[in-house]
Amino acid sequence: MSLDFISHYYISIVLATCLAVGYVIKKSLDFIPNKYIPLILAVLGAVLGCITEETVSMESIVYGAITGLASTGLHQTFTRMMEGVDAGASEENKKEDGGGQNGKL
């Protein structure tokens, strides 16, 4: 299976830029709530997608926005790997906790 489609949909320079900007926002700009970081990166990714593709089209806007959002997921994945927390551990905690409802149905 060829993974060439990834380079078509995800723009690597936009991904790296959004990852860096997201990190700076998270660590340095305390007045911006964390819940707005994905929105900021989606808009930034859309703008950068248009700049890198040298055209303003729906395709370049969507690919850029998806790439900006992917940088958020990449940051979360990297952070969890570095902390030693895997996705399965959170699922096990939910099962032990009664599905996150403290045993209440």
Foldseek 3Di string as FASTA:
>chain_A
DDPPVCCVLAPVVLLVVLLVVLVCCVPPVPVDDNVCSLVVLLQSQLVVLCVVVVHNDPSSNNSRSVSSNVSVVVVVVVVCVVVVHDPVVVVVVCVVCVNPPNVDD
